């Protein structure tokens, strides 16, 4: 190439997707300037993470009530899709009946920006809120939950099947995290106990 006076040219890996920036501009971080919630169903947060099962990944989507730190919806699946996050949201809506105006805060993942999720939020009068670009700490409550989950129930464990993982997640979330795990942010009581105290 040098002898022929040729210069290599690398193609751009990133392709701009027309309309994507405009799409996300509609979803501001409205939770950022809100005071801490003073009751249940004022602010929910959601996110998803991945967990290894054998040589594959499984994806866990979770919805948490910021006020009590209680996990109110979760869904496990083999694909990271809007349908997975929708199932977790619908799980939360089956166990809670929020009034219109609830803030539903997530990161900027396409699974939450999808019309499938946004339409469901709109049907229930729920206001979507998303992290600012490159600010993962905007969703600190969910990051904290996933850190606890992985440190206390996932790391060091080899799961042979999705069913085995599902049993562990159900036990951790429903029996331990919600019922027994103490949280400094709510006076060192468990989420379920805190909700009884303020009911």
N, C-alpha and C. Protein backbone atom coordinates (compact mmCIF):
# COMPACT_ATOMS: atom_id res chain seq x y z
N UNK A 1 0.83 -1.21 0.00
CA UNK A 1 0.00 0.00 0.00
C UNK A 1 0.86 1.26 0.00
N UNK A 2 1.99 1.17 0.80
CA UNK A 2 2.87 2.33 0.85
C UNK A 2 3.50 2.59 -0.51
N UNK A 3 3.94 1.50 -1.16
CA UNK A 3 4.57 1.65 -2.47
C UNK A 3 3.61 2.19 -3.51
N UNK A 4 2.32 1.87 -3.34
CA UNK A 4 1.32 2.35 -4.31
C UNK A 4 0.67 3.65 -3.85
N UNK A 5 1.21 4.24 -2.74
CA UNK A 5 0.67 5.50 -2.20
C UNK A 5 -0.79 5.38 -1.80
N UNK A 6 -1.14 4.20 -1.27
CA UNK A 6 -2.51 3.98 -0.81
C UNK A 6 -2.59 4.17 0.70
N UNK A 7 -3.70 4.72 1.15
CA UNK A 7 -3.92 4.94 2.59
C UNK A 7 -5.17 4.19 3.00
N UNK A 8 -5.03 3.39 4.06
CA UNK A 8 -6.18 2.63 4.56
C UNK A 8 -7.23 3.56 5.16
N UNK A 9 -8.46 3.17 4.99
CA UNK A 9 -9.56 3.97 5.52
C UNK A 9 -10.50 3.05 6.29
N UNK A 10 -10.74 3.36 7.56
CA UNK A 10 -11.64 2.54 8.39
C UNK A 10 -13.06 3.05 8.26
N UNK A 11 -13.99 2.11 8.09
CA UNK A 11 -15.40 2.49 8.03
C UNK A 11 -15.92 2.84 9.41
N UNK A 12 -16.92 3.67 9.46
CA UNK A 12 -17.53 4.03 10.75
C UNK A 12 -18.38 2.88 11.25
N UNK A 13 -18.14 2.50 12.49
CA UNK A 13 -18.90 1.40 13.09
C UNK A 13 -20.28 1.90 13.51
N UNK A 14 -20.33 3.11 14.04
CA UNK A 14 -21.60 3.65 14.55
C UNK A 14 -22.37 4.30 13.42
N UNK A 15 -23.59 3.91 13.29
CA UNK A 15 -24.47 4.55 12.31
C UNK A 15 -25.51 5.37 13.03
N UNK A 16 -25.66 6.58 12.61
CA UNK A 16 -26.66 7.44 13.21
C UNK A 16 -28.04 6.94 12.80
N UNK A 17 -28.92 6.82 13.80
CA UNK A 17 -30.29 6.38 13.52
C UNK A 17 -31.19 7.61 13.51
N UNK A 18 -31.72 7.97 12.35
CA UNK A 18 -32.54 9.18 12.28
C UNK A 18 -33.71 9.11 13.25
N UNK A 19 -33.90 10.20 13.98
CA UNK A 19 -35.06 10.29 14.86
C UNK A 19 -34.81 9.74 16.26
N UNK A 20 -33.69 9.01 16.49
CA UNK A 20 -33.46 8.41 17.81
C UNK A 20 -33.27 9.48 18.87
N UNK A 21 -32.47 10.50 18.57
CA UNK A 21 -32.26 11.57 19.56
C UNK A 21 -33.56 12.28 19.88
N UNK A 22 -34.37 12.53 18.86
CA UNK A 22 -35.67 13.17 19.09
C UNK A 22 -36.56 12.30 19.96
N UNK A 23 -36.48 10.96 19.73
CA UNK A 23 -37.31 10.02 20.49
C UNK A 23 -36.96 10.12 21.97
N UNK A 24 -35.66 10.13 22.30
CA UNK A 24 -35.27 10.17 23.70
C UNK A 24 -35.41 11.55 24.32
N UNK A 25 -35.43 12.59 23.51
CA UNK A 25 -35.65 13.93 24.05
C UNK A 25 -37.02 14.05 24.71
N UNK A 26 -37.97 13.21 24.28
CA UNK A 26 -39.31 13.26 24.86
C UNK A 26 -39.32 12.70 26.28
N UNK A 27 -38.29 11.95 26.65
CA UNK A 27 -38.26 11.28 27.94
C UNK A 27 -37.15 11.89 28.81
N UNK A 28 -37.49 12.93 29.50
CA UNK A 28 -36.54 13.61 30.38
C UNK A 28 -36.44 12.87 31.71
N UNK A 29 -35.46 13.27 32.50
CA UNK A 29 -35.34 12.74 33.85
C UNK A 29 -36.19 13.62 34.76
N UNK A 30 -37.48 13.32 34.85
CA UNK A 30 -38.36 14.14 35.69
C UNK A 30 -38.24 13.75 37.16
N UNK A 31 -37.63 12.60 37.43
CA UNK A 31 -37.44 12.20 38.82
C UNK A 31 -36.33 13.01 39.49
N UNK A 32 -35.41 13.53 38.69
CA UNK A 32 -34.21 14.19 39.20
C UNK A 32 -34.51 15.32 40.17
N UNK A 33 -35.48 16.15 39.84
CA UNK A 33 -35.79 17.32 40.67
C UNK A 33 -36.98 17.10 41.60
N UNK A 34 -37.40 15.86 41.73
CA UNK A 34 -38.52 15.55 42.62
C UNK A 34 -38.01 15.33 44.04
N UNK A 35 -38.78 15.73 45.04
CA UNK A 35 -38.40 15.36 46.41
C UNK A 35 -38.55 13.86 46.61
N UNK A 36 -37.97 13.35 47.67
CA UNK A 36 -38.12 11.92 47.96
C UNK A 36 -39.60 11.61 48.13
N UNK A 37 -40.05 10.44 47.68
CA UNK A 37 -41.47 10.10 47.81
C UNK A 37 -41.90 10.04 49.27
N UNK A 38 -43.15 10.41 49.52
CA UNK A 38 -43.69 10.41 50.88
C UNK A 38 -44.72 9.30 51.07
N UNK A 39 -44.89 8.47 50.06
CA UNK A 39 -45.84 7.37 50.15
C UNK A 39 -45.62 6.37 49.04
N UNK A 40 -46.34 5.27 49.11
CA UNK A 40 -46.24 4.23 48.10
C UNK A 40 -46.76 4.71 46.75
N UNK A 41 -46.26 4.11 45.70
CA UNK A 41 -46.74 4.34 44.33
C UNK A 41 -46.62 5.78 43.87
N UNK A 42 -45.59 6.47 44.35
CA UNK A 42 -45.28 7.81 43.84
C UNK A 42 -44.13 7.75 42.83
N UNK A 43 -43.14 6.91 43.13
CA UNK A 43 -42.00 6.73 42.24
C UNK A 43 -41.62 5.26 42.18
N UNK A 44 -41.67 4.71 40.97
CA UNK A 44 -41.15 3.36 40.74
C UNK A 44 -39.91 3.48 39.88
N UNK A 45 -38.97 2.58 40.08
CA UNK A 45 -37.78 2.52 39.23
C UNK A 45 -37.70 1.11 38.64
N UNK A 46 -37.06 1.00 37.50
CA UNK A 46 -36.96 -0.31 36.83
C UNK A 46 -35.65 -0.40 36.06
N UNK A 47 -35.20 -1.62 35.88
CA UNK A 47 -34.00 -1.86 35.09
C UNK A 47 -33.93 -3.36 34.82
N UNK A 48 -32.94 -3.74 34.04
CA UNK A 48 -32.71 -5.17 33.83
C UNK A 48 -31.23 -5.48 33.91
N UNK A 49 -30.93 -6.74 34.21
CA UNK A 49 -29.56 -7.21 34.31
C UNK A 49 -29.48 -8.60 33.72
N UNK A 50 -28.27 -9.12 33.59
CA UNK A 50 -28.09 -10.44 33.00
C UNK A 50 -27.40 -11.38 33.99
N UNK A 51 -27.75 -12.66 33.92
CA UNK A 51 -27.22 -13.68 34.81
C UNK A 51 -26.90 -14.91 33.97
N UNK A 52 -25.73 -15.49 34.21
CA UNK A 52 -25.32 -16.66 33.42
C UNK A 52 -26.01 -17.93 33.90
N UNK A 53 -26.53 -18.69 32.95
CA UNK A 53 -27.09 -20.02 33.22
C UNK A 53 -26.39 -20.98 32.27
N UNK A 54 -25.51 -21.82 32.80
CA UNK A 54 -24.69 -22.67 31.94
C UNK A 54 -23.82 -21.81 31.05
N UNK A 55 -23.94 -21.99 29.74
CA UNK A 55 -23.17 -21.18 28.78
C UNK A 55 -24.02 -20.10 28.13
N UNK A 56 -25.17 -19.82 28.70
CA UNK A 56 -26.07 -18.82 28.13
C UNK A 56 -26.36 -17.72 29.15
N UNK A 57 -27.04 -16.69 28.68
CA UNK A 57 -27.46 -15.60 29.56
C UNK A 57 -28.97 -15.62 29.74
N UNK A 58 -29.39 -15.25 30.92
CA UNK A 58 -30.80 -14.99 31.18
C UNK A 58 -30.91 -13.54 31.66
N UNK A 59 -32.01 -12.91 31.32
CA UNK A 59 -32.19 -11.48 31.62
C UNK A 59 -33.30 -11.30 32.65
N UNK A 60 -33.01 -10.50 33.65
CA UNK A 60 -33.94 -10.24 34.74
C UNK A 60 -34.36 -8.78 34.71
N UNK A 61 -35.65 -8.54 34.57
CA UNK A 61 -36.21 -7.18 34.62
C UNK A 61 -36.93 -7.02 35.96
N UNK A 62 -36.72 -5.88 36.62
CA UNK A 62 -37.25 -5.67 37.96
C UNK A 62 -37.89 -4.29 38.07
N UNK A 63 -38.98 -4.20 38.83
CA UNK A 63 -39.62 -2.92 39.17
C UNK A 63 -39.62 -2.80 40.69
N UNK A 64 -39.19 -1.63 41.19
CA UNK A 64 -39.04 -1.41 42.62
C UNK A 64 -39.74 -0.11 43.02
N UNK A 65 -40.43 -0.11 44.16
CA UNK A 65 -41.04 1.11 44.69
C UNK A 65 -39.99 1.84 45.52
N UNK A 66 -39.65 3.06 45.12
CA UNK A 66 -38.58 3.80 45.79
C UNK A 66 -38.90 4.06 47.25
N UNK A 67 -40.16 4.30 47.58
CA UNK A 67 -40.53 4.67 48.94
C UNK A 67 -40.19 3.58 49.94
N UNK A 68 -40.54 2.34 49.62
CA UNK A 68 -40.33 1.23 50.56
C UNK A 68 -39.17 0.33 50.16
N UNK A 69 -38.59 0.56 48.98
CA UNK A 69 -37.51 -0.29 48.43
C UNK A 69 -38.00 -1.70 48.11
N UNK A 70 -39.30 -1.90 48.07
CA UNK A 70 -39.84 -3.24 47.82
C UNK A 70 -39.87 -3.55 46.33
N UNK A 71 -39.43 -4.76 45.98
CA UNK A 71 -39.57 -5.25 44.60
C UNK A 71 -41.03 -5.62 44.39
N UNK A 72 -41.68 -4.96 43.44
CA UNK A 72 -43.10 -5.18 43.22
C UNK A 72 -43.40 -5.87 41.90
N UNK A 73 -42.37 -6.10 41.10
CA UNK A 73 -42.56 -6.82 39.85
C UNK A 73 -41.23 -7.29 39.30
N UNK A 74 -41.20 -8.50 38.75
CA UNK A 74 -39.99 -8.97 38.09
C UNK A 74 -40.34 -10.02 37.05
N UNK A 75 -39.44 -10.15 36.08
CA UNK A 75 -39.65 -11.09 34.99
C UNK A 75 -38.29 -11.61 34.53
N UNK A 76 -38.23 -12.89 34.22
CA UNK A 76 -36.99 -13.53 33.78
C UNK A 76 -37.20 -14.12 32.39
N UNK A 77 -36.23 -13.95 31.51
CA UNK A 77 -36.37 -14.49 30.17
C UNK A 77 -35.04 -14.70 29.48
N UNK A 78 -35.07 -15.32 28.33
CA UNK A 78 -33.85 -15.62 27.58
C UNK A 78 -33.49 -14.52 26.60
N UNK A 79 -34.37 -13.54 26.44
CA UNK A 79 -34.10 -12.45 25.51
C UNK A 79 -34.31 -11.11 26.18
N UNK A 80 -33.45 -10.17 25.84
CA UNK A 80 -33.50 -8.82 26.38
C UNK A 80 -34.40 -7.97 25.47
N UNK A 81 -35.69 -7.96 25.79
CA UNK A 81 -36.65 -7.32 24.89
C UNK A 81 -37.62 -6.43 25.67
N UNK A 82 -38.37 -5.63 24.92
CA UNK A 82 -39.41 -4.80 25.54
C UNK A 82 -40.50 -5.67 26.16
N UNK A 83 -40.73 -6.85 25.58
CA UNK A 83 -41.73 -7.76 26.14
C UNK A 83 -41.33 -8.21 27.54
N UNK A 84 -40.05 -8.44 27.76
CA UNK A 84 -39.55 -8.83 29.09
C UNK A 84 -39.83 -7.73 30.11
N UNK A 85 -39.50 -6.49 29.75
CA UNK A 85 -39.71 -5.38 30.68
C UNK A 85 -41.20 -5.10 30.87
N UNK A 86 -41.99 -5.34 29.82
CA UNK A 86 -43.44 -5.16 29.93
C UNK A 86 -44.04 -6.16 30.91
N UNK A 87 -43.55 -7.40 30.89
CA UNK A 87 -44.06 -8.40 31.83
C UNK A 87 -43.77 -8.00 33.28
N UNK A 88 -42.59 -7.45 33.53
CA UNK A 88 -42.26 -7.00 34.89
C UNK A 88 -43.15 -5.83 35.30
N UNK A 89 -43.40 -4.90 34.37
CA UNK A 89 -44.28 -3.76 34.65
C UNK A 89 -45.70 -4.24 34.93
N UNK A 90 -46.20 -5.16 34.13
CA UNK A 90 -47.57 -5.66 34.33
C UNK A 90 -47.68 -6.44 35.65
N UNK A 91 -46.62 -7.12 36.03
CA UNK A 91 -46.59 -7.80 37.32
C UNK A 91 -46.80 -6.77 38.44
N UNK A 92 -46.05 -5.66 38.35
CA UNK A 92 -46.19 -4.60 39.35
C UNK A 92 -47.60 -4.01 39.36
N UNK A 93 -48.18 -3.85 38.19
CA UNK A 93 -49.53 -3.27 38.09
C UNK A 93 -50.61 -4.22 38.59
N UNK A 94 -50.31 -5.52 38.61
CA UNK A 94 -51.27 -6.48 39.17
C UNK A 94 -51.30 -6.43 40.70
N UNK A 95 -50.17 -6.11 41.31
CA UNK A 95 -50.12 -6.10 42.78
C UNK A 95 -50.31 -4.71 43.37
N UNK A 96 -50.24 -3.68 42.53
CA UNK A 96 -50.42 -2.30 42.98
C UNK A 96 -51.43 -1.61 42.07
N UNK A 97 -52.12 -0.62 42.59
CA UNK A 97 -53.03 0.18 41.77
C UNK A 97 -52.66 1.65 41.94
N UNK A 98 -51.62 2.08 41.22
CA UNK A 98 -51.17 3.47 41.37
C UNK A 98 -52.15 4.47 40.78
N UNK A 99 -52.19 5.63 41.38
CA UNK A 99 -53.00 6.72 40.83
C UNK A 99 -52.25 7.36 39.67
N UNK A 100 -52.95 8.01 38.75
CA UNK A 100 -52.26 8.72 37.67
C UNK A 100 -51.26 9.73 38.23
N UNK A 101 -50.11 9.82 37.58
CA UNK A 101 -49.08 10.74 38.04
C UNK A 101 -47.85 10.03 38.59
N UNK A 102 -47.96 8.72 38.82
CA UNK A 102 -46.81 7.94 39.26
C UNK A 102 -45.65 8.13 38.28
N UNK A 103 -44.44 8.31 38.81
CA UNK A 103 -43.23 8.41 37.98
C UNK A 103 -42.62 7.01 37.84
N UNK A 104 -42.35 6.62 36.60
CA UNK A 104 -41.71 5.34 36.30
C UNK A 104 -40.35 5.65 35.69
N UNK A 105 -39.29 5.47 36.49
CA UNK A 105 -37.95 5.88 36.06
C UNK A 105 -37.10 4.69 35.66
N UNK A 106 -36.40 4.82 34.53
CA UNK A 106 -35.54 3.76 34.02
C UNK A 106 -34.26 4.36 33.43
N UNK A 107 -33.38 3.48 32.97
CA UNK A 107 -32.26 3.97 32.17
C UNK A 107 -32.76 4.23 30.75
N UNK A 108 -31.83 4.50 29.84
CA UNK A 108 -32.23 4.87 28.47
C UNK A 108 -32.22 3.67 27.52
N UNK A 109 -32.33 2.48 28.07
CA UNK A 109 -32.34 1.28 27.23
C UNK A 109 -33.53 1.26 26.30
N UNK A 110 -33.33 0.68 25.12
CA UNK A 110 -34.40 0.63 24.13
C UNK A 110 -35.58 -0.20 24.64
N UNK A 111 -35.32 -1.12 25.58
CA UNK A 111 -36.40 -1.94 26.12
C UNK A 111 -37.41 -1.10 26.90
N UNK A 112 -36.97 0.05 27.39
CA UNK A 112 -37.88 0.94 28.12
C UNK A 112 -38.39 2.10 27.26
N UNK A 113 -37.63 2.46 26.25
CA UNK A 113 -38.07 3.52 25.35
C UNK A 113 -39.06 3.03 24.31
N UNK A 114 -39.21 1.72 24.20
CA UNK A 114 -40.08 1.13 23.17
C UNK A 114 -41.53 1.57 23.34
N UNK A 115 -42.23 1.67 22.23
CA UNK A 115 -43.63 2.08 22.26
C UNK A 115 -44.48 1.10 23.06
N UNK A 116 -44.07 -0.17 23.08
CA UNK A 116 -44.79 -1.19 23.85
C UNK A 116 -44.89 -0.79 25.32
N UNK A 117 -43.79 -0.30 25.87
CA UNK A 117 -43.76 0.14 27.27
C UNK A 117 -44.43 1.50 27.42
N UNK A 118 -44.08 2.42 26.54
CA UNK A 118 -44.60 3.78 26.65
C UNK A 118 -46.13 3.81 26.53
N UNK A 119 -46.68 2.97 25.67
CA UNK A 119 -48.13 2.92 25.53
C UNK A 119 -48.79 2.37 26.79
N UNK A 120 -48.15 1.36 27.41
CA UNK A 120 -48.69 0.79 28.65
C UNK A 120 -48.67 1.84 29.77
N UNK A 121 -47.60 2.58 29.85
CA UNK A 121 -47.53 3.65 30.86
C UNK A 121 -48.63 4.67 30.62
N UNK A 122 -48.81 5.06 29.37
CA UNK A 122 -49.83 6.04 29.03
C UNK A 122 -51.23 5.58 29.39
N UNK A 123 -51.51 4.29 29.20
CA UNK A 123 -52.84 3.76 29.54
C UNK A 123 -53.15 3.88 31.02
N UNK A 124 -52.13 3.88 31.85
CA UNK A 124 -52.33 3.94 33.30
C UNK A 124 -52.05 5.32 33.88
N UNK A 125 -51.80 6.30 33.02
CA UNK A 125 -51.52 7.65 33.50
C UNK A 125 -50.20 7.76 34.22
N UNK A 126 -49.25 6.89 33.88
CA UNK A 126 -47.93 6.88 34.51
C UNK A 126 -46.96 7.74 33.70
N UNK A 127 -46.17 8.55 34.39
CA UNK A 127 -45.24 9.46 33.72
C UNK A 127 -43.87 8.80 33.56
N UNK A 128 -43.39 8.64 32.32
CA UNK A 128 -42.06 8.05 32.11
C UNK A 128 -40.95 9.03 32.43
N UNK A 129 -39.88 8.52 32.99
CA UNK A 129 -38.69 9.30 33.31
C UNK A 129 -37.48 8.45 32.97
N UNK A 130 -36.45 9.07 32.40
CA UNK A 130 -35.26 8.31 32.02
C UNK A 130 -33.99 9.01 32.49
N UNK A 131 -32.96 8.21 32.70
CA UNK A 131 -31.65 8.76 33.06
C UNK A 131 -31.21 9.83 32.07
N UNK A 132 -30.42 10.77 32.55
CA UNK A 132 -29.73 11.67 31.65
C UNK A 132 -28.67 10.85 30.90
N UNK A 133 -28.27 11.27 29.70
CA UNK A 133 -27.25 10.52 28.97
C UNK A 133 -25.98 10.34 29.79
N UNK A 134 -25.47 9.12 29.82
CA UNK A 134 -24.22 8.78 30.50
C UNK A 134 -24.24 9.03 32.00
N UNK A 135 -25.41 8.95 32.61
CA UNK A 135 -25.53 9.16 34.06
C UNK A 135 -26.22 7.95 34.70
N UNK A 136 -25.49 6.84 34.83
CA UNK A 136 -26.10 5.62 35.37
C UNK A 136 -26.51 5.79 36.83
N UNK A 137 -25.91 6.75 37.54
CA UNK A 137 -26.26 6.95 38.94
C UNK A 137 -27.65 7.57 39.10
N UNK A 138 -28.26 8.02 37.99
CA UNK A 138 -29.63 8.54 38.07
C UNK A 138 -30.61 7.44 38.49
N UNK A 139 -30.22 6.18 38.30
CA UNK A 139 -31.08 5.07 38.69
C UNK A 139 -30.41 4.27 39.80
N UNK A 140 -29.93 4.98 40.81
CA UNK A 140 -29.11 4.38 41.87
C UNK A 140 -29.85 3.32 42.67
N UNK A 141 -31.16 3.49 42.88
CA UNK A 141 -31.89 2.50 43.67
C UNK A 141 -31.88 1.12 43.00
N UNK A 142 -32.03 1.10 41.68
CA UNK A 142 -31.99 -0.17 40.98
C UNK A 142 -30.58 -0.74 40.94
N UNK A 143 -29.60 0.12 40.74
CA UNK A 143 -28.21 -0.35 40.73
C UNK A 143 -27.87 -0.98 42.08
N UNK A 144 -28.35 -0.37 43.15
CA UNK A 144 -28.11 -0.89 44.49
C UNK A 144 -28.77 -2.25 44.67
N UNK A 145 -30.01 -2.39 44.18
CA UNK A 145 -30.69 -3.68 44.29
C UNK A 145 -29.92 -4.77 43.56
N UNK A 146 -29.51 -4.51 42.33
CA UNK A 146 -28.81 -5.53 41.56
C UNK A 146 -27.47 -5.88 42.21
N UNK A 147 -26.80 -4.89 42.80
CA UNK A 147 -25.55 -5.17 43.51
C UNK A 147 -25.81 -6.13 44.67
N UNK A 148 -26.85 -5.86 45.45
CA UNK A 148 -27.19 -6.73 46.58
C UNK A 148 -27.56 -8.13 46.11
N UNK A 149 -28.40 -8.20 45.09
CA UNK A 149 -28.83 -9.49 44.56
C UNK A 149 -27.64 -10.34 44.13
N UNK A 150 -26.74 -9.75 43.36
CA UNK A 150 -25.63 -10.53 42.82
C UNK A 150 -24.63 -10.90 43.91
N UNK A 151 -24.40 -9.98 44.86
CA UNK A 151 -23.45 -10.27 45.94
C UNK A 151 -23.99 -11.34 46.88
N UNK A 152 -25.29 -11.33 47.13
CA UNK A 152 -25.87 -12.19 48.16
C UNK A 152 -26.47 -13.50 47.63
N UNK A 153 -26.76 -13.55 46.33
CA UNK A 153 -27.43 -14.76 45.84
C UNK A 153 -26.89 -15.33 44.53
N UNK A 154 -26.11 -14.55 43.77
CA UNK A 154 -25.73 -14.98 42.43
C UNK A 154 -24.25 -15.32 42.31
N UNK A 155 -23.37 -14.41 42.75
CA UNK A 155 -21.93 -14.63 42.59
C UNK A 155 -21.48 -15.92 43.27
N UNK A 156 -20.69 -16.70 42.55
CA UNK A 156 -20.17 -17.94 43.10
C UNK A 156 -21.11 -19.12 42.95
N UNK A 157 -22.28 -18.90 42.36
CA UNK A 157 -23.25 -19.98 42.17
C UNK A 157 -23.33 -20.32 40.68
N UNK A 158 -23.29 -21.60 40.36
CA UNK A 158 -23.43 -22.05 38.97
C UNK A 158 -24.85 -22.59 38.77
N UNK A 159 -25.59 -21.94 37.90
CA UNK A 159 -26.96 -22.37 37.62
C UNK A 159 -26.98 -23.28 36.40
N UNK A 160 -27.59 -24.44 36.55
CA UNK A 160 -27.64 -25.40 35.45
C UNK A 160 -28.85 -25.20 34.55
N UNK A 161 -29.89 -24.54 35.06
CA UNK A 161 -31.10 -24.35 34.27
C UNK A 161 -31.78 -23.05 34.66
N UNK A 162 -32.64 -22.57 33.77
CA UNK A 162 -33.41 -21.37 34.07
C UNK A 162 -34.34 -21.60 35.25
N UNK A 163 -34.88 -22.80 35.36
CA UNK A 163 -35.78 -23.11 36.47
C UNK A 163 -35.05 -23.01 37.81
N UNK A 164 -33.82 -23.49 37.84
CA UNK A 164 -33.02 -23.40 39.07
C UNK A 164 -32.79 -21.94 39.44
N UNK A 165 -32.46 -21.12 38.46
CA UNK A 165 -32.27 -19.69 38.71
C UNK A 165 -33.56 -19.05 39.17
N UNK A 166 -34.66 -19.42 38.54
CA UNK A 166 -35.96 -18.83 38.89
C UNK A 166 -36.32 -19.12 40.36
N UNK A 167 -36.02 -20.32 40.83
CA UNK A 167 -36.30 -20.69 42.22
C UNK A 167 -35.46 -19.83 43.18
N UNK A 168 -34.18 -19.66 42.83
CA UNK A 168 -33.30 -18.84 43.67
C UNK A 168 -33.78 -17.39 43.69
N UNK A 169 -34.13 -16.85 42.53
CA UNK A 169 -34.60 -15.46 42.46
C UNK A 169 -35.90 -15.29 43.26
N UNK A 170 -36.82 -16.22 43.11
CA UNK A 170 -38.08 -16.14 43.85
C UNK A 170 -37.85 -16.15 45.34
N UNK A 171 -36.96 -17.03 45.82
CA UNK A 171 -36.66 -17.09 47.24
C UNK A 171 -35.99 -15.83 47.73
N UNK A 172 -35.02 -15.33 46.95
CA UNK A 172 -34.29 -14.13 47.37
C UNK A 172 -35.22 -12.91 47.41
N UNK A 173 -35.96 -12.70 46.33
CA UNK A 173 -36.80 -11.49 46.24
C UNK A 173 -38.00 -11.57 47.18
N UNK A 174 -38.74 -12.66 47.09
CA UNK A 174 -40.02 -12.74 47.82
C UNK A 174 -39.86 -13.07 49.30
N UNK A 175 -38.93 -13.96 49.64
CA UNK A 175 -38.80 -14.36 51.04
C UNK A 175 -37.74 -13.57 51.80
N UNK A 176 -36.62 -13.25 51.13
CA UNK A 176 -35.54 -12.57 51.85
C UNK A 176 -35.55 -11.06 51.65
N UNK A 177 -35.37 -10.61 50.41
CA UNK A 177 -35.20 -9.17 50.18
C UNK A 177 -36.40 -8.36 50.64
N UNK A 178 -37.58 -8.74 50.22
CA UNK A 178 -38.78 -7.98 50.59
C UNK A 178 -39.19 -8.17 52.04
N UNK A 179 -38.95 -9.35 52.60
CA UNK A 179 -39.48 -9.67 53.93
C UNK A 179 -38.48 -9.50 55.07
N UNK A 180 -37.18 -9.68 54.78
CA UNK A 180 -36.22 -9.73 55.89
C UNK A 180 -35.03 -8.79 55.77
N UNK A 181 -34.65 -8.43 54.56
CA UNK A 181 -33.42 -7.66 54.40
C UNK A 181 -33.60 -6.23 54.90
N UNK A 182 -32.71 -5.80 55.79
CA UNK A 182 -32.81 -4.47 56.38
C UNK A 182 -32.19 -3.43 55.45
N UNK A 183 -32.81 -2.24 55.40
CA UNK A 183 -32.34 -1.17 54.53
C UNK A 183 -32.08 0.09 55.34
N UNK A 184 -30.89 0.63 55.20
CA UNK A 184 -30.55 1.84 55.95
C UNK A 184 -31.44 3.02 55.55
N UNK A 185 -31.85 3.07 54.27
CA UNK A 185 -32.64 4.20 53.78
C UNK A 185 -34.05 4.26 54.33
N UNK A 186 -34.52 3.17 54.94
CA UNK A 186 -35.87 3.16 55.51
C UNK A 186 -35.83 2.77 56.99
N UNK A 187 -34.75 3.18 57.66
CA UNK A 187 -34.69 3.00 59.11
C UNK A 187 -34.32 1.59 59.54
N UNK A 188 -33.58 0.89 58.73
CA UNK A 188 -33.11 -0.46 59.06
C UNK A 188 -34.25 -1.43 59.37
N UNK A 189 -35.25 -1.40 58.50
CA UNK A 189 -36.30 -2.42 58.54
C UNK A 189 -36.43 -2.99 57.12
N UNK A 190 -37.14 -4.10 57.00
CA UNK A 190 -37.36 -4.71 55.69
C UNK A 190 -38.49 -3.99 54.96
N UNK A 191 -38.49 -4.02 53.63
CA UNK A 191 -39.52 -3.32 52.86
C UNK A 191 -40.95 -3.68 53.28
N UNK A 192 -41.25 -4.95 53.42
CA UNK A 192 -42.62 -5.35 53.79
C UNK A 192 -43.00 -4.80 55.16
N UNK A 193 -42.07 -4.83 56.10
CA UNK A 193 -42.33 -4.31 57.43
C UNK A 193 -42.53 -2.79 57.38
N UNK A 194 -41.73 -2.12 56.57
CA UNK A 194 -41.85 -0.67 56.44
C UNK A 194 -43.22 -0.29 55.88
N UNK A 195 -43.69 -1.04 54.91
CA UNK A 195 -45.00 -0.74 54.33
C UNK A 195 -46.12 -0.94 55.37
N UNK A 196 -45.96 -1.93 56.24
CA UNK A 196 -46.96 -2.12 57.31
C UNK A 196 -46.94 -0.96 58.29
N UNK A 197 -45.75 -0.47 58.59
CA UNK A 197 -45.60 0.62 59.55
C UNK A 197 -46.26 1.90 59.07
N UNK A 198 -46.19 2.16 57.77
CA UNK A 198 -46.70 3.43 57.24
C UNK A 198 -48.12 3.30 56.67
N UNK A 199 -48.68 2.10 56.72
CA UNK A 199 -50.03 1.89 56.16
C UNK A 199 -51.09 2.61 56.98
